[in-house]
Amino acid sequence: MIRFEEVSKSYDMSRLVVDSVNLEIKRGEFLVLVGPSGCGKTTTLKMINRLIPLTKGTIWLDDKRISDYPIHELRWQIGYVLQQIALFPHMTIEENIAVVPELVGWKKKKVRERVTELLEMVGLDPDIYRKRKPNELSGGQQQRVGVVRALAADPEILLMDEPFSALDPISRLKLQDDLLELQRRIQKTIVFVTHDLQEAFKLGDRVCIMNEGKIEQVDTPQKILIQPASPFVREFTASAAAQTFSIKDHIEDIPSDLSLSFAIPFNSEWGPLLQFLASEEQVAIQQDGQVIGMVTREGILRFLAEQAVKGGASNE
């Protein structure tokens, strides 16, 4: 649906902020862009709706260059959610949500029905919240309104630029869960920027890891953890893996007829273990010089698959 073809961006013609990016985002996919500060992820996102002009290359939307769309037509197809929620403070919640549908010529009855539908979709009672002003809502409630406002005219694409990073941890986790539930219902094409790898792994069907303007790896969270494509990815994901798993929960008994060539300490970081599992089916675990069991590639993949299903079914 969205395709980057040798896309580069330079602000001063001396350094490429985005460097020769090739990327295809499928219809209905939830793709997360993640990487250290200054890696080019937000610039990449903003080039999709032409908030930032590209320097070289082409971005295609449904096999048509984005430069060939009239700017308003392009942006009406693309919802946009910022970290700074930017609701109009003098407008009611209903008026905020109705802005784009009214601009594209929806009738009042259809707009009101859409506002009701969207507020119910994110758990805000329309009878209570429709006439309230933004300052009467909590930060999390305001961000929910920001999300549904971006969806008000039923765009095919939703761009989200670190939308939850300013929220407290509890609100952030709740909104992540709500977004996953919402995506299961609406199946939009979502491109989401974050600096938090845990958030990226939780939300993304695929995760695009960027560094110094280049794409290091684009793949499922499971594949990235098990088979990092570069030393940068291996190092960048090691901390996330350590927070995601506890090695002790995945130690299995070693069959008497199995001889293992590799062993790592019980308190080892996940990075070395995942590196071994990228090429070996199983790795022995040692504690105090004694082998206490093994961790298998199959077991880790099974765990990751179960977590993905669990997240999809109940949002944990």
Protein backbone atom coordinates (compact mmCIF):
# COMPACT_ATOMS: atom_id res chain seq x y z
CA MET A 1 0.00 0.00 0.00
CA ILE A 2 2.83 2.40 0.97
CA ARG A 3 6.17 1.92 -0.75
CA PHE A 4 9.44 3.80 -0.23
CA GLU A 5 11.80 3.61 -3.19
CA GLU A 6 15.36 4.86 -2.53
CA VAL A 7 14.01 7.67 -0.33
CA SER A 8 16.49 10.11 1.19
CA LYS A 9 16.11 13.34 3.13
CA SER A 10 18.66 16.02 3.88
CA TYR A 11 17.87 19.30 5.60
CA ASP A 12 21.15 21.05 4.82
CA MET A 13 22.48 19.03 1.84
CA SER A 14 25.47 17.93 3.93
CA ARG A 15 24.03 15.05 5.98
CA LEU A 16 21.32 12.55 5.13
CA VAL A 17 18.75 12.26 7.91
CA VAL A 18 17.09 9.46 5.93
CA ASP A 19 19.42 7.53 3.65
CA SER A 20 18.20 5.46 0.67
CA VAL A 21 15.25 3.84 2.43
CA ASN A 22 13.42 1.03 0.65
CA LEU A 23 10.35 -0.16 2.53
CA GLU A 24 6.95 -1.61 1.71
CA ILE A 25 4.05 -1.36 4.16
CA LYS A 26 1.15 -3.70 3.47
CA ARG A 27 -2.51 -2.79 3.62
CA GLY A 28 -3.87 -3.37 7.13
CA GLU A 29 -0.39 -3.78 8.62
CA PHE A 30 0.72 -2.27 11.91
CA LEU A 31 4.33 -1.22 11.28
CA VAL A 32 6.42 0.37 14.02
CA LEU A 33 9.47 2.54 13.33
CA VAL A 34 11.92 2.46 16.22
CA GLY A 35 15.49 3.49 16.86
CA PRO A 36 17.67 5.89 18.84
CA SER A 37 17.09 9.64 18.81
CA GLY A 38 18.05 11.19 15.49
CA CYS A 39 17.84 7.93 13.53
CA GLY A 40 15.32 9.37 11.03
CA LYS A 41 12.15 7.57 12.12
CA THR A 42 9.96 10.68 12.59
CA THR A 43 11.24 12.22 9.36
CA THR A 44 10.37 8.97 7.57
CA LEU A 45 6.85 9.08 9.00
CA LYS A 46 6.26 12.73 8.11
CA MET A 47 7.33 12.25 4.51
CA ILE A 48 4.34 9.92 3.99
CA ASN A 49 1.80 12.75 4.30
CA ARG A 50 4.19 15.36 2.87
CA LEU A 51 4.64 17.27 6.11
CA ILE A 52 8.32 16.99 5.20
CA PRO A 53 9.35 16.96 1.52
CA LEU A 54 11.71 14.19 0.48
CA THR A 55 15.06 15.04 -1.10
CA LYS A 56 15.45 12.00 -3.34
CA GLY A 57 13.47 8.93 -4.29
CA THR A 58 9.75 8.21 -4.47
CA ILE A 59 7.00 7.33 -2.02
CA TRP A 60 4.07 5.48 -3.55
CA LEU A 61 0.56 5.21 -2.15
CA ASP A 62 -1.54 2.59 -3.93
CA ASP A 63 0.85 2.70 -6.92
CA LYS A 64 0.54 6.47 -7.25
CA ARG A 65 3.30 8.89 -6.30
CA ILE A 66 2.33 10.92 -3.25
CA SER A 67 3.56 13.99 -5.13
CA ASP A 68 0.79 13.37 -7.71
CA TYR A 69 -1.99 13.71 -5.12
CA PRO A 70 -3.45 17.14 -4.35
CA ILE A 71 -2.19 17.80 -0.84
CA HIS A 72 -5.65 17.95 0.77
CA GLU A 73 -6.77 14.77 -0.98
CA LEU A 74 -3.65 12.99 0.27
CA ARG A 75 -4.07 14.11 3.86
CA TRP A 76 -7.78 13.29 3.96
CA GLN A 77 -6.73 9.68 3.33
CA ILE A 78 -4.24 9.78 6.21
CA GLY A 79 -5.06 10.27 9.89
CA TYR A 80 -2.30 11.78 12.02
CA VAL A 81 -1.79 11.51 15.79
CA LEU A 82 0.92 13.48 17.60
CA GLN A 83 2.53 13.27 21.01
CA GLN A 84 1.18 16.77 21.59
CA ILE A 85 -2.52 15.95 21.42
CA ALA A 86 -3.37 19.37 19.96
CA LEU A 87 -7.13 19.29 20.52
CA PHE A 88 -8.75 22.66 19.89
CA PRO A 89 -9.32 23.94 23.46
CA HIS A 90 -12.29 26.20 22.61
CA MET A 91 -14.18 23.35 20.88
CA THR A 92 -16.19 20.54 22.44
CA ILE A 93 -15.03 16.95 21.99
CA GLU A 94 -17.72 16.46 19.35
CA GLU A 95 -16.57 19.54 17.46
CA ASN A 96 -12.96 18.41 17.62
CA ILE A 97 -13.79 15.01 16.14
CA ALA A 98 -16.07 16.53 13.50
CA VAL A 99 -13.48 18.87 11.96
CA VAL A 100 -12.31 16.71 9.04
CA PRO A 101 -15.68 15.07 8.22
CA GLU A 102 -17.20 18.54 7.97
CA LEU A 103 -14.33 19.73 5.76
CA VAL A 104 -14.90 16.88 3.32
CA GLY A 105 -18.63 17.63 3.17
CA TRP A 106 -20.31 15.05 5.40
CA LYS A 107 -23.89 15.81 6.38
CA LYS A 108 -24.59 16.74 10.00
CA LYS A 109 -26.51 13.54 10.77
CA LYS A 110 -23.68 11.37 9.45
CA VAL A 111 -21.10 13.38 11.40
CA ARG A 112 -23.05 13.04 14.65
CA GLU A 113 -23.45 9.29 14.14
CA ARG A 114 -19.71 9.00 13.44
CA VAL A 115 -18.83 10.90 16.62
CA THR A 116 -21.07 8.59 18.63
CA GLU A 117 -19.54 5.50 17.02
CA LEU A 118 -15.97 6.64 17.64
CA LEU A 119 -16.47 7.68 21.25
CA GLU A 120 -18.10 4.34 22.01
CA MET A 121 -15.22 2.61 20.22
CA VAL A 122 -12.71 4.01 22.73
CA GLY A 123 -14.89 3.61 25.80
CA LEU A 124 -16.02 7.22 26.22
CA ASP A 125 -19.76 7.53 26.78
CA PRO A 126 -21.03 9.93 24.08
CA ASP A 127 -23.76 11.27 26.36
CA ILE A 128 -21.11 12.27 28.90
CA TYR A 129 -18.16 13.35 26.78
CA ARG A 130 -19.69 14.76 23.59
CA LYS A 131 -20.17 18.30 24.97
CA ARG A 132 -17.14 18.45 27.23
CA LYS A 133 -14.09 20.60 26.50
CA PRO A 134 -10.58 19.08 26.30
CA ASN A 135 -9.52 20.57 29.65
CA GLU A 136 -12.25 18.53 31.35
CA LEU A 137 -10.58 15.26 30.28
CA SER A 138 -7.55 13.42 31.63
CA GLY A 139 -4.42 13.08 29.51
CA GLY A 140 -5.32 9.54 28.55
CA GLN A 141 -8.87 10.52 27.63
CA GLN A 142 -7.58 13.40 25.52
CA GLN A 143 -5.24 11.06 23.67
CA ARG A 144 -8.14 8.69 22.96
CA VAL A 145 -10.00 11.62 21.44
CA GLY A 146 -6.87 12.47 19.44
CA VAL A 147 -6.83 8.95 18.00
CA VAL A 148 -10.51 8.88 17.03
CA ARG A 149 -10.32 12.41 15.62
CA ALA A 150 -7.64 11.09 13.25
CA LEU A 151 -10.04 8.29 12.29
CA ALA A 152 -13.12 10.49 11.97
CA ALA A 153 -13.30 10.61 8.17
CA ASP A 154 -12.43 6.91 7.93
CA PRO A 155 -8.93 7.29 6.41
CA GLU A 156 -7.13 4.23 5.12
CA ILE A 157 -3.87 5.11 6.87
CA LEU A 158 -3.08 6.22 10.41
CA LEU A 159 0.28 7.84 11.23
CA MET A 160 1.19 7.99 14.92
CA ASP A 161 4.25 9.91 16.10
CA GLU A 162 5.15 8.82 19.65
CA PRO A 163 1.52 9.38 20.70
CA PHE A 164 1.81 7.85 24.17
CA SER A 165 5.27 8.98 25.28
CA ALA A 166 4.05 11.94 27.36
CA LEU A 167 1.62 9.81 29.38
CA ASP A 168 2.20 8.16 32.74
CA PRO A 169 3.15 4.44 32.55
CA ILE A 170 -0.30 3.12 33.53
CA SER A 171 -2.14 5.29 31.01
CA ARG A 172 0.42 4.38 28.37
CA LEU A 173 -0.01 0.64 28.84
CA LYS A 174 -3.79 1.00 28.80
CA LEU A 175 -3.73 2.99 25.57
CA GLN A 176 -1.40 0.45 23.96
CA ASP A 177 -3.94 -2.25 24.79
CA ASP A 178 -6.80 -0.09 23.54
CA LEU A 179 -4.99 0.58 20.28
CA LEU A 180 -4.41 -3.14 19.68
CA GLU A 181 -8.09 -3.81 20.33
CA LEU A 182 -9.09 -0.95 18.05
CA GLN A 183 -6.82 -2.18 15.27
CA ARG A 184 -8.39 -5.66 15.42
CA ARG A 185 -11.73 -4.01 14.76
CA ILE A 186 -10.83 -1.44 12.10
CA GLN A 187 -7.81 -3.02 10.35
CA LYS A 188 -6.22 0.24 9.24
CA THR A 189 -2.72 0.59 7.88
CA ILE A 190 -0.84 2.03 10.87
CA VAL A 191 2.67 3.49 10.88
CA PHE A 192 3.74 4.16 14.46
CA VAL A 193 6.92 5.87 15.70
CA THR A 194 8.39 5.17 19.12
CA HIS A 195 11.78 5.20 20.83
CA ASP A 196 10.61 2.40 23.16
CA LEU A 197 11.49 -1.05 21.83
CA GLN A 198 9.17 -2.75 24.31
CA GLU A 199 6.28 -0.69 22.93
CA ALA A 200 7.38 -1.51 19.38
CA PHE A 201 7.46 -5.26 20.06
CA LYS A 202 4.08 -5.16 21.78
CA LEU A 203 2.27 -3.26 19.03
CA GLY A 204 3.91 -4.06 15.72
CA ASP A 205 3.03 -6.78 13.24
CA ARG A 206 6.47 -5.86 11.96
CA VAL A 207 9.12 -3.60 13.46
CA CYS A 208 11.49 -1.44 11.42
CA ILE A 209 14.70 -0.69 13.33
CA MET A 210 16.52 2.41 12.07
CA ASN A 211 19.99 3.76 12.78
CA GLU A 212 21.67 6.85 11.32
CA GLY A 213 19.02 7.23 8.65
CA LYS A 214 19.21 3.65 7.41
CA ILE A 215 17.02 0.61 7.97
CA GLU A 216 18.91 -2.04 9.92
CA GLN A 217 16.14 -4.67 9.94
CA VAL A 218 12.42 -4.97 9.18
CA ASP A 219 10.76 -8.11 10.53
CA THR A 220 8.43 -9.55 13.13
CA PRO A 221 9.42 -8.98 16.77
CA GLN A 222 10.04 -12.73 17.13
CA LYS A 223 12.38 -12.89 14.16
CA ILE A 224 14.28 -9.79 15.25
CA LEU A 225 14.89 -11.22 18.70
CA ILE A 226 15.97 -14.63 17.45
CA GLN A 227 17.83 -13.55 14.32
CA PRO A 228 19.13 -9.96 14.57
CA ALA A 229 20.38 -8.83 11.18
CA SER A 230 23.35 -6.78 12.40
CA PRO A 231 25.50 -6.14 15.48
CA PHE A 232 23.56 -2.89 16.01
CA VAL A 233 20.21 -4.74 16.10
CA ARG A 234 21.65 -7.38 18.43
CA GLU A 235 22.84 -4.73 20.88
CA PHE A 236 19.72 -2.56 20.52
CA THR A 237 17.37 -5.47 21.21
CA ALA A 238 19.34 -7.11 24.02
CA SER A 239 17.85 -4.88 26.74
CA ALA A 240 14.32 -5.39 25.44
CA ALA A 241 14.81 -9.15 25.42
CA ALA A 242 16.04 -9.04 29.00
CA GLN A 243 12.88 -7.23 30.05
CA THR A 244 10.61 -9.46 27.99
CA PHE A 245 11.86 -12.84 29.19
CA SER A 246 13.26 -14.51 32.26
CA ILE A 247 15.71 -17.27 31.31
CA LYS A 248 14.73 -19.39 34.30
CA ASP A 249 11.17 -19.68 32.97
CA HIS A 250 12.40 -21.42 29.80
CA ILE A 251 14.93 -23.94 31.10
CA GLU A 252 14.07 -27.50 30.04
CA ASP A 253 15.53 -30.84 31.07
CA ILE A 254 18.21 -32.24 28.78
CA PRO A 255 17.35 -35.69 27.36
CA SER A 256 19.90 -38.34 28.36
CA ASP A 257 20.77 -39.09 24.73
CA LEU A 258 21.43 -35.44 23.78
CA SER A 259 24.90 -33.90 23.82
CA LEU A 260 25.11 -30.11 23.70
CA SER A 261 28.07 -28.20 22.31
CA PHE A 262 27.29 -24.78 23.77
CA ALA A 263 26.65 -23.60 27.31
CA ILE A 264 26.11 -20.17 28.83
CA PRO A 265 25.89 -19.05 32.47
CA PHE A 266 22.44 -18.95 34.09
CA ASN A 267 22.80 -15.21 34.78
CA SER A 268 23.92 -14.41 31.23
CA GLU A 269 22.26 -11.64 29.26
CA TRP A 270 19.72 -12.58 26.61
CA GLY A 271 21.86 -11.19 23.81
CA PRO A 272 24.43 -14.06 23.81
CA LEU A 273 21.67 -16.67 24.23
CA LEU A 274 19.69 -15.35 21.26
CA GLN A 275 22.88 -15.20 19.25
CA PHE A 276 23.50 -18.90 19.92
CA LEU A 277 19.89 -19.82 19.18
CA ALA A 278 20.14 -18.12 15.80
CA SER A 279 22.44 -20.95 14.70
CA GLU A 280 21.83 -23.74 17.25
CA GLU A 281 18.61 -25.60 18.11
CA GLN A 282 19.38 -25.65 21.83
CA VAL A 283 21.85 -24.16 24.33
CA ALA A 284 22.89 -25.60 27.70
CA ILE A 285 22.53 -23.42 30.82
CA GLN A 286 25.17 -23.57 33.55
CA GLN A 287 24.98 -22.56 37.19
CA ASP A 288 27.98 -22.78 39.51
CA GLY A 289 29.84 -24.75 36.87
CA GLN A 290 27.11 -27.37 36.50
CA VAL A 291 24.71 -27.80 33.58
CA ILE A 292 21.18 -27.38 34.98
CA GLY A 293 19.17 -27.68 31.76
CA MET A 294 18.79 -26.17 28.33
CA VAL A 295 16.90 -23.50 26.43
CA THR A 296 15.66 -24.43 22.97
CA ARG A 297 14.93 -22.33 19.92
CA GLU A 298 11.58 -24.13 19.56
CA GLY A 299 10.66 -23.31 23.14
CA ILE A 300 11.43 -19.62 22.77
CA LEU A 301 9.56 -19.39 19.47
CA ARG A 302 6.59 -21.20 21.00
CA PHE A 303 6.61 -18.76 23.93
CA LEU A 304 6.75 -15.77 21.57
CA ALA A 305 3.88 -17.15 19.52
CA GLU A 306 1.80 -17.72 22.66
CA GLN A 307 2.51 -14.17 23.81
CA ALA A 308 1.45 -12.80 20.45
CA VAL A 309 -1.80 -14.77 20.57
CA LYS A 310 -2.40 -13.80 24.18
CA GLY A 311 -1.82 -10.14 23.39
CA GLY A 312 -4.16 -10.40 20.42
CA ALA A 313 -6.91 -12.08 22.41
CA SER A 314 -6.86 -10.19 25.66
CA ASN A 315 -4.36 -7.33 25.34
CA GLU A 316 -2.75 -8.76 28.49
